PDB file of all heavy atoms in Angstrom:
ATOM      1  N   VAL A   1     -34.117  -0.306 -43.594  1.00  0.00           N
ATOM      2  CA  VAL A   1     -33.262  -0.389 -44.792  1.00  0.00           C
ATOM      3  C   VAL A   1     -33.831  -1.434 -45.712  1.00  0.00           C
ATOM      4  O   VAL A   1     -34.464  -2.398 -45.267  1.00  0.00           O
ATOM      5  CB  VAL A   1     -31.808  -0.717 -44.370  1.00  0.00           C
ATOM      6  CG1 VAL A   1     -31.718  -2.111 -43.724  1.00  0.00           C
ATOM      7  CG2 VAL A   1     -30.848  -0.592 -45.526  1.00  0.00           C
ATOM      8  N   GLN A   2     -33.581  -1.262 -46.985  1.00  0.00           N
ATOM      9  CA  GLN A   2     -34.023  -2.262 -47.961  1.00  0.00           C
ATOM     10  C   GLN A   2     -33.069  -3.457 -47.965  1.00  0.00           C
ATOM     11  O   GLN A   2     -31.876  -3.321 -47.626  1.00  0.00           O
ATOM     12  CB  GLN A   2     -34.095  -1.653 -49.357  1.00  0.00           C
ATOM     13  CG  GLN A   2     -35.232  -0.664 -49.527  1.00  0.00           C
ATOM     14  CD  GLN A   2     -35.367  -0.210 -50.976  1.00  0.00           C
ATOM     15  OE1 GLN A   2     -34.410  -0.204 -51.741  1.00  0.00           O
ATOM     16  NE2 GLN A   2     -36.594   0.166 -51.348  1.00  0.00           N
ATOM     17  N   ALA A   3     -33.606  -4.586 -48.379  1.00  0.00           N
ATOM     18  CA  ALA A   3     -32.751  -5.761 -48.499  1.00  0.00           C
ATOM     19  C   ALA A   3     -31.581  -5.476 -49.405  1.00  0.00           C
ATOM     20  O   ALA A   3     -31.720  -4.827 -50.438  1.00  0.00           O
ATOM     21  CB  ALA A   3     -33.581  -6.944 -49.054  1.00  0.00           C
ATOM     22  N   GLY A   4     -30.408  -5.967 -48.996  1.00  0.00           N
ATOM     23  CA  GLY A   4     -29.181  -5.699 -49.723  1.00  0.00           C
ATOM     24  C   GLY A   4     -28.432  -4.486 -49.230  1.00  0.00           C
ATOM     25  O   GLY A   4     -27.271  -4.283 -49.603  1.00  0.00           O
ATOM     26  N   GLY A   5     -29.074  -3.722 -48.401  1.00  0.00           N
ATOM     27  CA  GLY A   5     -28.443  -2.499 -47.882  1.00  0.00           C
ATOM     28  C   GLY A   5     -27.564  -2.758 -46.681  1.00  0.00           C
ATOM     29  O   GLY A   5     -27.354  -3.926 -46.288  1.00  0.00           O
ATOM     30  N   SER A   6     -27.060  -1.687 -46.099  1.00  0.00           N
ATOM     31  CA  SER A   6     -26.120  -1.790 -44.956  1.00  0.00           C
ATOM     32  C   SER A   6     -26.560  -0.853 -43.834  1.00  0.00           C
ATOM     33  O   SER A   6     -27.193   0.187 -44.073  1.00  0.00           O
ATOM     34  CB  SER A   6     -24.705  -1.397 -45.421  1.00  0.00           C
ATOM     35  OG  SER A   6     -24.232  -2.253 -46.419  1.00  0.00           O
ATOM     36  N   LEU A   7     -26.159  -1.238 -42.637  1.00  0.00           N
ATOM     37  CA  LEU A   7     -26.310  -0.408 -41.468  1.00  0.00           C
ATOM     38  C   LEU A   7     -25.088  -0.620 -40.571  1.00  0.00           C
ATOM     39  O   LEU A   7     -24.493  -1.698 -40.588  1.00  0.00           O
ATOM     40  CB  LEU A   7     -27.557  -0.760 -40.662  1.00  0.00           C
ATOM     41  CG  LEU A   7     -28.926  -0.275 -41.168  1.00  0.00           C
ATOM     42  CD1 LEU A   7     -30.030  -0.867 -40.301  1.00  0.00           C
ATOM     43  CD2 LEU A   7     -29.009   1.230 -41.195  1.00  0.00           C
ATOM     44  N   ARG A   8     -24.752   0.393 -39.795  1.00  0.00           N
ATOM     45  CA  ARG A   8     -23.687   0.281 -38.834  1.00  0.00           C
ATOM     46  C   ARG A   8     -24.223   0.625 -37.459  1.00  0.00           C
ATOM     47  O   ARG A   8     -24.645   1.740 -37.196  1.00  0.00           O
ATOM     48  CB  ARG A   8     -22.523   1.227 -39.180  1.00  0.00           C
ATOM     49  CG  ARG A   8     -21.338   1.216 -38.227  1.00  0.00           C
ATOM     50  CD  ARG A   8     -20.271   2.144 -38.747  1.00  0.00           C
ATOM     51  NE  ARG A   8     -19.225   2.440 -37.783  1.00  0.00           N
ATOM     52  CZ  ARG A   8     -18.114   1.761 -37.646  1.00  0.00           C
ATOM     53  NH1 ARG A   8     -17.927   0.658 -38.358  1.00  0.00           N
ATOM     54  NH2 ARG A   8     -17.185   2.130 -36.773  1.00  0.00           N
ATOM     55  N   LEU A   9     -24.247  -0.347 -36.602  1.00  0.00           N
ATOM     56  CA  LEU A   9     -24.709  -0.148 -35.226  1.00  0.00           C
ATOM     57  C   LEU A   9     -23.537   0.243 -34.333  1.00  0.00           C
ATOM     58  O   LEU A   9     -22.422  -0.222 -34.528  1.00  0.00           O
ATOM     59  CB  LEU A   9     -25.361  -1.415 -34.671  1.00  0.00           C
ATOM     60  CG  LEU A   9     -26.509  -2.013 -35.475  1.00  0.00           C
ATOM     61  CD1 LEU A   9     -27.093  -3.201 -34.739  1.00  0.00           C
ATOM     62  CD2 LEU A   9     -27.580  -0.983 -35.753  1.00  0.00           C
ATOM     63  N   SER A  10     -23.838   1.106 -33.373  1.00  0.00           N
ATOM     64  CA  SER A  10     -22.832   1.499 -32.392  1.00  0.00           C
ATOM     65  C   SER A  10     -23.387   1.219 -30.987  1.00  0.00           C
ATOM     66  O   SER A  10     -24.597   1.274 -30.773  1.00  0.00           O
ATOM     67  CB  SER A  10     -22.502   2.973 -32.533  1.00  0.00           C
ATOM     68  OG  SER A  10     -21.982   3.279 -33.794  1.00  0.00           O
ATOM     69  N   CYS A  11     -22.479   0.947 -30.079  1.00  0.00           N
ATOM     70  CA  CYS A  11     -22.869   0.749 -28.689  1.00  0.00           C
ATOM     71  C   CYS A  11     -21.770   1.357 -27.835  1.00  0.00           C
ATOM     72  O   CYS A  11     -20.613   0.953 -27.934  1.00  0.00           O
ATOM     73  CB  CYS A  11     -23.003  -0.724 -28.382  1.00  0.00           C
ATOM     74  SG  CYS A  11     -23.211  -1.100 -26.618  1.00  0.00           S
ATOM     75  N   ALA A  12     -22.151   2.336 -27.035  1.00  0.00           N
ATOM     76  CA  ALA A  12     -21.190   3.031 -26.195  1.00  0.00           C
ATOM     77  C   ALA A  12     -21.604   2.976 -24.742  1.00  0.00           C
ATOM     78  O   ALA A  12     -22.788   3.093 -24.432  1.00  0.00           O
ATOM     79  CB  ALA A  12     -21.047   4.477 -26.664  1.00  0.00           C
ATOM     80  N   ALA A  13     -20.627   2.878 -23.897  1.00  0.00           N
ATOM     81  CA  ALA A  13     -20.885   2.893 -22.443  1.00  0.00           C
ATOM     82  C   ALA A  13     -20.971   4.330 -21.965  1.00  0.00           C
ATOM     83  O   ALA A  13     -20.139   5.159 -22.350  1.00  0.00           O
ATOM     84  CB  ALA A  13     -19.809   2.148 -21.707  1.00  0.00           C
ATOM     85  N   SER A  14     -21.949   4.605 -21.158  1.00  0.00           N
ATOM     86  CA  SER A  14     -22.066   5.941 -20.557  1.00  0.00           C
ATOM     87  C   SER A  14     -22.106   5.779 -19.037  1.00  0.00           C
ATOM     88  O   SER A  14     -22.380   4.710 -18.519  1.00  0.00           O
ATOM     89  CB  SER A  14     -23.357   6.614 -21.036  1.00  0.00           C
ATOM     90  OG  SER A  14     -24.476   5.921 -20.578  1.00  0.00           O
ATOM     91  N   GLY A  15     -21.818   6.874 -18.368  1.00  0.00           N
ATOM     92  CA  GLY A  15     -21.759   6.813 -16.919  1.00  0.00           C
ATOM     93  C   GLY A  15     -20.336   6.873 -16.445  1.00  0.00           C
ATOM     94  O   GLY A  15     -19.500   7.520 -17.035  1.00  0.00           O
ATOM     95  N   ARG A  16     -20.019   6.145 -15.425  1.00  0.00           N
ATOM     96  CA  ARG A  16     -18.676   6.167 -14.876  1.00  0.00           C
ATOM     97  C   ARG A  16     -17.699   5.538 -15.857  1.00  0.00           C
ATOM     98  O   ARG A  16     -18.078   4.862 -16.808  1.00  0.00           O
ATOM     99  CB  ARG A  16     -18.631   5.417 -13.551  1.00  0.00           C
ATOM    100  CG  ARG A  16     -18.981   3.943 -13.660  1.00  0.00           C
ATOM    101  CD  ARG A  16     -18.738   3.235 -12.322  1.00  0.00           C
ATOM    102  NE  ARG A  16     -19.215   1.845 -12.356  1.00  0.00           N
ATOM    103  CZ  ARG A  16     -18.521   0.854 -12.821  1.00  0.00           C
ATOM    104  NH1 ARG A  16     -17.327   1.038 -13.362  1.00  0.00           N
ATOM    105  NH2 ARG A  16     -19.013  -0.392 -12.803  1.00  0.00           N
ATOM    106  N   THR A  17     -16.428   5.752 -15.623  1.00  0.00           N
ATOM    107  CA  THR A  17     -15.401   5.176 -16.486  1.00  0.00           C
ATOM    108  C   THR A  17     -15.594   3.678 -16.566  1.00  0.00           C
ATOM    109  O   THR A  17     -15.735   3.005 -15.549  1.00  0.00           O
ATOM    110  CB  THR A  17     -14.016   5.508 -15.925  1.00  0.00           C
ATOM    111  OG1 THR A  17     -13.859   6.913 -15.852  1.00  0.00           O
ATOM    112  CG2 THR A  17     -12.929   4.918 -16.834  1.00  0.00           C
ATOM    113  N   PHE A  18     -15.615   3.196 -17.775  1.00  0.00           N
ATOM    114  CA  PHE A  18     -15.943   1.808 -17.996  1.00  0.00           C
ATOM    115  C   PHE A  18     -14.986   1.169 -18.972  1.00  0.00           C
ATOM    116  O   PHE A  18     -14.625   1.774 -19.975  1.00  0.00           O
ATOM    117  CB  PHE A  18     -17.389   1.711 -18.542  1.00  0.00           C
ATOM    118  CG  PHE A  18     -17.821   0.316 -18.903  1.00  0.00           C
ATOM    119  CD1 PHE A  18     -18.291  -0.529 -17.917  1.00  0.00           C
ATOM    120  CD2 PHE A  18     -17.752  -0.143 -20.211  1.00  0.00           C
ATOM    121  CE1 PHE A  18     -18.701  -1.817 -18.248  1.00  0.00           C
ATOM    122  CE2 PHE A  18     -18.147  -1.427 -20.533  1.00  0.00           C
ATOM    123  CZ  PHE A  18     -18.624  -2.259 -19.542  1.00  0.00           C
ATOM    124  N   SER A  19     -14.587  -0.023 -18.683  1.00  0.00           N
ATOM    125  CA  SER A  19     -13.813  -0.831 -19.609  1.00  0.00           C
ATOM    126  C   SER A  19     -14.275  -2.260 -19.475  1.00  0.00           C
ATOM    127  O   SER A  19     -14.860  -2.648 -18.470  1.00  0.00           O
ATOM    128  CB  SER A  19     -12.309  -0.707 -19.313  1.00  0.00           C
ATOM    129  OG  SER A  19     -11.575  -1.398 -20.305  1.00  0.00           O
ATOM    130  N   SER A  20     -14.024  -3.032 -20.491  1.00  0.00           N
ATOM    131  CA  SER A  20     -14.514  -4.391 -20.491  1.00  0.00           C
ATOM    132  C   SER A  20     -13.452  -5.343 -20.992  1.00  0.00           C
ATOM    133  O   SER A  20     -12.444  -4.935 -21.600  1.00  0.00           O
ATOM    134  CB  SER A  20     -15.769  -4.516 -21.344  1.00  0.00           C
ATOM    135  OG  SER A  20     -15.453  -4.281 -22.712  1.00  0.00           O
ATOM    136  N   TYR A  21     -13.693  -6.620 -20.799  1.00  0.00           N
ATOM    137  CA  TYR A  21     -12.863  -7.662 -21.391  1.00  0.00           C
ATOM    138  C   TYR A  21     -13.426  -8.106 -22.742  1.00  0.00           C
ATOM    139  O   TYR A  21     -12.655  -8.570 -23.600  1.00  0.00           O
ATOM    140  CB  TYR A  21     -12.785  -8.861 -20.457  1.00  0.00           C
ATOM    141  CG  TYR A  21     -11.979  -8.601 -19.204  1.00  0.00           C
ATOM    142  CD1 TYR A  21     -12.580  -8.186 -18.054  1.00  0.00           C
ATOM    143  CD2 TYR A  21     -10.600  -8.774 -19.215  1.00  0.00           C
ATOM    144  CE1 TYR A  21     -11.848  -7.934 -16.904  1.00  0.00           C
ATOM    145  CE2 TYR A  21      -9.849  -8.544 -18.065  1.00  0.00           C
ATOM    146  CZ  TYR A  21     -10.484  -8.118 -16.916  1.00  0.00           C
ATOM    147  OH  TYR A  21      -9.751  -7.877 -15.798  1.00  0.00           O
ATOM    148  N   ALA A  22     -14.717  -7.954 -22.879  1.00  0.00           N
ATOM    149  CA  ALA A  22     -15.361  -8.371 -24.140  1.00  0.00           C
ATOM    150  C   ALA A  22     -16.689  -7.664 -24.265  1.00  0.00           C
ATOM    151  O   ALA A  22     -17.319  -7.270 -23.262  1.00  0.00           O
ATOM    152  CB  ALA A  22     -15.552  -9.883 -24.154  1.00  0.00           C
ATOM    153  N   MET A  23     -17.131  -7.530 -25.487  1.00  0.00           N
ATOM    154  CA  MET A  23     -18.463  -6.981 -25.770  1.00  0.00           C
ATOM    155  C   MET A  23     -19.061  -7.776 -26.907  1.00  0.00           C
ATOM    156  O   MET A  23     -18.341  -8.337 -27.745  1.00  0.00           O
ATOM    157  CB  MET A  23     -18.372  -5.488 -26.134  1.00  0.00           C
ATOM    158  CG  MET A  23     -17.892  -4.626 -24.977  1.00  0.00           C
ATOM    159  SD  MET A  23     -17.877  -2.857 -25.329  1.00  0.00           S
ATOM    160  CE  MET A  23     -19.638  -2.473 -25.242  1.00  0.00           C
ATOM    161  N   GLY A  24     -20.387  -7.790 -26.951  1.00  0.00           N
ATOM    162  CA  GLY A  24     -21.036  -8.592 -27.974  1.00  0.00           C
ATOM    163  C   GLY A  24     -22.346  -7.996 -28.417  1.00  0.00           C
ATOM    164  O   GLY A  24     -22.867  -7.035 -27.835  1.00  0.00           O
ATOM    165  N   TRP A  25     -22.899  -8.594 -29.490  1.00  0.00           N
ATOM    166  CA  TRP A  25     -24.206  -8.225 -30.027  1.00  0.00           C
ATOM    167  C   TRP A  25     -25.090  -9.452 -30.070  1.00  0.00           C
ATOM    168  O   TRP A  25     -24.651 -10.544 -30.485  1.00  0.00           O
ATOM    169  CB  TRP A  25     -24.057  -7.664 -31.433  1.00  0.00           C
ATOM    170  CG  TRP A  25     -23.445  -6.339 -31.524  1.00  0.00           C
ATOM    171  CD1 TRP A  25     -22.134  -6.028 -31.757  1.00  0.00           C
ATOM    172  CD2 TRP A  25     -24.110  -5.051 -31.388  1.00  0.00           C
ATOM    173  NE1 TRP A  25     -21.926  -4.653 -31.757  1.00  0.00           N
ATOM    174  CE2 TRP A  25     -23.157  -4.041 -31.531  1.00  0.00           C
ATOM    175  CE3 TRP A  25     -25.441  -4.691 -31.148  1.00  0.00           C
ATOM    176  CZ2 TRP A  25     -23.465  -2.692 -31.455  1.00  0.00           C
ATOM    177  CZ3 TRP A  25     -25.757  -3.346 -31.063  1.00  0.00           C
ATOM    178  CH2 TRP A  25     -24.768  -2.356 -31.208  1.00  0.00           C
ATOM    179  N   PHE A  26     -26.313  -9.247 -29.646  1.00  0.00           N
ATOM    180  CA  PHE A  26     -27.374 -10.252 -29.756  1.00  0.00           C
ATOM    181  C   PHE A  26     -28.558  -9.624 -30.473  1.00  0.00           C
ATOM    182  O   PHE A  26     -28.616  -8.413 -30.607  1.00  0.00           O
ATOM    183  CB  PHE A  26     -27.799 -10.727 -28.367  1.00  0.00           C
ATOM    184  CG  PHE A  26     -26.773 -11.581 -27.665  1.00  0.00           C
ATOM    185  CD1 PHE A  26     -25.656 -11.005 -27.087  1.00  0.00           C
ATOM    186  CD2 PHE A  26     -26.930 -12.942 -27.535  1.00  0.00           C
ATOM    187  CE1 PHE A  26     -24.693 -11.776 -26.440  1.00  0.00           C
ATOM    188  CE2 PHE A  26     -25.996 -13.735 -26.903  1.00  0.00           C
ATOM    189  CZ  PHE A  26     -24.873 -13.139 -26.343  1.00  0.00           C
ATOM    190  N   ARG A  27     -29.467 -10.435 -30.926  1.00  0.00           N
ATOM    191  CA  ARG A  27     -30.676  -9.905 -31.553  1.00  0.00           C
ATOM    192  C   ARG A  27     -31.854 -10.770 -31.205  1.00  0.00           C
ATOM    193  O   ARG A  27     -31.711 -11.953 -30.940  1.00  0.00           O
ATOM    194  CB  ARG A  27     -30.490  -9.788 -33.064  1.00  0.00           C
ATOM    195  CG  ARG A  27     -30.402 -11.120 -33.789  1.00  0.00           C
ATOM    196  CD  ARG A  27     -30.111 -10.903 -35.247  1.00  0.00           C
ATOM    197  NE  ARG A  27     -30.075 -12.160 -36.005  1.00  0.00           N
ATOM    198  CZ  ARG A  27     -29.740 -12.257 -37.293  1.00  0.00           C
ATOM    199  NH1 ARG A  27     -29.437 -11.144 -37.982  1.00  0.00           N
ATOM    200  NH2 ARG A  27     -29.734 -13.423 -37.872  1.00  0.00           N
ATOM    201  N   GLN A  28     -33.037 -10.122 -31.254  1.00  0.00           N
ATOM    202  CA  GLN A  28     -34.268 -10.848 -30.978  1.00  0.00           C
ATOM    203  C   GLN A  28     -35.342 -10.413 -31.956  1.00  0.00           C
ATOM    204  O   GLN A  28     -35.740  -9.240 -31.986  1.00  0.00           O
ATOM    205  CB  GLN A  28     -34.740 -10.591 -29.540  1.00  0.00           C
ATOM    206  CG  GLN A  28     -35.935 -11.447 -29.147  1.00  0.00           C
ATOM    207  CD  GLN A  28     -36.192 -11.401 -27.656  1.00  0.00           C
ATOM    208  OE1 GLN A  28     -35.783 -10.477 -26.956  1.00  0.00           O
ATOM    209  NE2 GLN A  28     -36.872 -12.410 -27.125  1.00  0.00           N
ATOM    210  N   ALA A  29     -35.771 -11.362 -32.743  1.00  0.00           N
ATOM    211  CA  ALA A  29     -36.864 -11.117 -33.689  1.00  0.00           C
ATOM    212  C   ALA A  29     -38.202 -11.400 -32.983  1.00  0.00           C
ATOM    213  O   ALA A  29     -38.227 -12.169 -32.017  1.00  0.00           O
ATOM    214  CB  ALA A  29     -36.704 -12.026 -34.892  1.00  0.00           C
ATOM    215  N   PRO A  30     -39.274 -10.824 -33.495  1.00  0.00           N
ATOM    216  CA  PRO A  30     -40.595 -11.057 -32.869  1.00  0.00           C
ATOM    217  C   PRO A  30     -40.933 -12.535 -32.753  1.00  0.00           C
ATOM    218  O   PRO A  30     -40.844 -13.279 -33.733  1.00  0.00           O
ATOM    219  CB  PRO A  30     -41.552 -10.316 -33.796  1.00  0.00           C
ATOM    220  CG  PRO A  30     -40.712  -9.265 -34.453  1.00  0.00           C
ATOM    221  CD  PRO A  30     -39.350  -9.881 -34.618  1.00  0.00           C
ATOM    222  N   GLY A  31     -41.301 -12.939 -31.547  1.00  0.00           N
ATOM    223  CA  GLY A  31     -41.727 -14.319 -31.334  1.00  0.00           C
ATOM    224  C   GLY A  31     -40.605 -15.314 -31.205  1.00  0.00           C
ATOM    225  O   GLY A  31     -40.861 -16.516 -31.008  1.00  0.00           O
ATOM    226  N   LEU A  32     -39.373 -14.832 -31.278  1.00  0.00           N
ATOM    227  CA  LEU A  32     -38.239 -15.756 -31.197  1.00  0.00           C
ATOM    228  C   LEU A  32     -37.353 -15.430 -30.012  1.00  0.00           C
ATOM    229  O   LEU A  32     -37.420 -14.349 -29.452  1.00  0.00           O
ATOM    230  CB  LEU A  32     -37.399 -15.682 -32.494  1.00  0.00           C
ATOM    231  CG  LEU A  32     -38.115 -16.053 -33.786  1.00  0.00           C
ATOM    232  CD1 LEU A  32     -37.174 -15.892 -34.977  1.00  0.00           C
ATOM    233  CD2 LEU A  32     -38.651 -17.472 -33.712  1.00  0.00           C
ATOM    234  N   ALA A  33     -36.544 -16.388 -29.633  1.00  0.00           N
ATOM    235  CA  ALA A  33     -35.610 -16.159 -28.554  1.00  0.00           C
ATOM    236  C   ALA A  33     -34.473 -15.274 -28.997  1.00  0.00           C
ATOM    237  O   ALA A  33     -34.162 -15.184 -30.216  1.00  0.00           O
ATOM    238  CB  ALA A  33     -35.050 -17.501 -28.066  1.00  0.00           C
ATOM    239  N   ARG A  34     -33.857 -14.613 -28.065  1.00  0.00           N
ATOM    240  CA  ARG A  34     -32.679 -13.781 -28.390  1.00  0.00           C
ATOM    241  C   ARG A  34     -31.548 -14.701 -28.819  1.00  0.00           C
ATOM    242  O   ARG A  34     -31.314 -15.760 -28.212  1.00  0.00           O
ATOM    243  CB  ARG A  34     -32.293 -12.928 -27.182  1.00  0.00           C
ATOM    244  CG  ARG A  34     -31.246 -11.902 -27.482  1.00  0.00           C
ATOM    245  CD  ARG A  34     -31.318 -10.723 -26.504  1.00  0.00           C
ATOM    246  NE  ARG A  34     -31.181 -11.103 -25.120  1.00  0.00           N
ATOM    247  CZ  ARG A  34     -31.290 -10.242 -24.110  1.00  0.00           C
ATOM    248  NH1 ARG A  34     -31.524  -8.962 -24.342  1.00  0.00           N
ATOM    249  NH2 ARG A  34     -31.141 -10.666 -22.869  1.00  0.00           N
ATOM    250  N   GLU A  35     -30.844 -14.289 -29.867  1.00  0.00           N
ATOM    251  CA  GLU A  35     -29.748 -15.100 -30.375  1.00  0.00           C
ATOM    252  C   GLU A  35     -28.463 -14.305 -30.477  1.00  0.00           C
ATOM    253  O   GLU A  35     -28.454 -13.087 -30.680  1.00  0.00           O
ATOM    254  CB  GLU A  35     -30.092 -15.699 -31.734  1.00  0.00           C
ATOM    255  CG  GLU A  35     -30.175 -14.698 -32.883  1.00  0.00           C
ATOM    256  CD  GLU A  35     -30.260 -15.373 -34.262  1.00  0.00           C
ATOM    257  OE1 GLU A  35     -30.155 -16.615 -34.347  1.00  0.00           O
ATOM    258  OE2 GLU A  35     -30.398 -14.629 -35.235  1.00  0.00           O
ATOM    259  N   PHE A  36     -27.371 -15.031 -30.361  1.00  0.00           N
ATOM    260  CA  PHE A  36     -26.067 -14.424 -30.466  1.00  0.00           C
ATOM    261  C   PHE A  36     -25.788 -14.024 -31.908  1.00  0.00           C
ATOM    262  O   PHE A  36     -26.140 -14.749 -32.835  1.00  0.00           O
ATOM    263  CB  PHE A  36     -25.014 -15.449 -30.015  1.00  0.00           C
ATOM    264  CG  PHE A  36     -23.596 -15.082 -30.295  1.00  0.00           C
ATOM    265  CD1 PHE A  36     -23.002 -14.045 -29.607  1.00  0.00           C
ATOM    266  CD2 PHE A  36     -22.867 -15.762 -31.246  1.00  0.00           C
ATOM    267  CE1 PHE A  36     -21.682 -13.685 -29.868  1.00  0.00           C
ATOM    268  CE2 PHE A  36     -21.561 -15.414 -31.521  1.00  0.00           C
ATOM    269  CZ  PHE A  36     -20.967 -14.389 -30.821  1.00  0.00           C
ATOM    270  N   VAL A  37     -25.126 -12.863 -32.064  1.00  0.00           N
ATOM    271  CA  VAL A  37     -24.744 -12.395 -33.406  1.00  0.00           C
ATOM    272  C   VAL A  37     -23.222 -12.377 -33.561  1.00  0.00           C
ATOM    273  O   VAL A  37     -22.672 -13.010 -34.445  1.00  0.00           O
ATOM    274  CB  VAL A  37     -25.306 -10.986 -33.664  1.00  0.00           C
ATOM    275  CG1 VAL A  37     -24.833 -10.462 -35.030  1.00  0.00           C
ATOM    276  CG2 VAL A  37     -26.820 -10.996 -33.613  1.00  0.00           C
TER     277      VAL A  37
END
């Protein structure tokens, strides 16, 4: 996407019935540690 644009990420659980107490997003840029989003 170009700078200034938008994206919508999705994350879905597959497999057996699943539920959680919390979910999160992290990201990792090249050469850098993974960081919390």
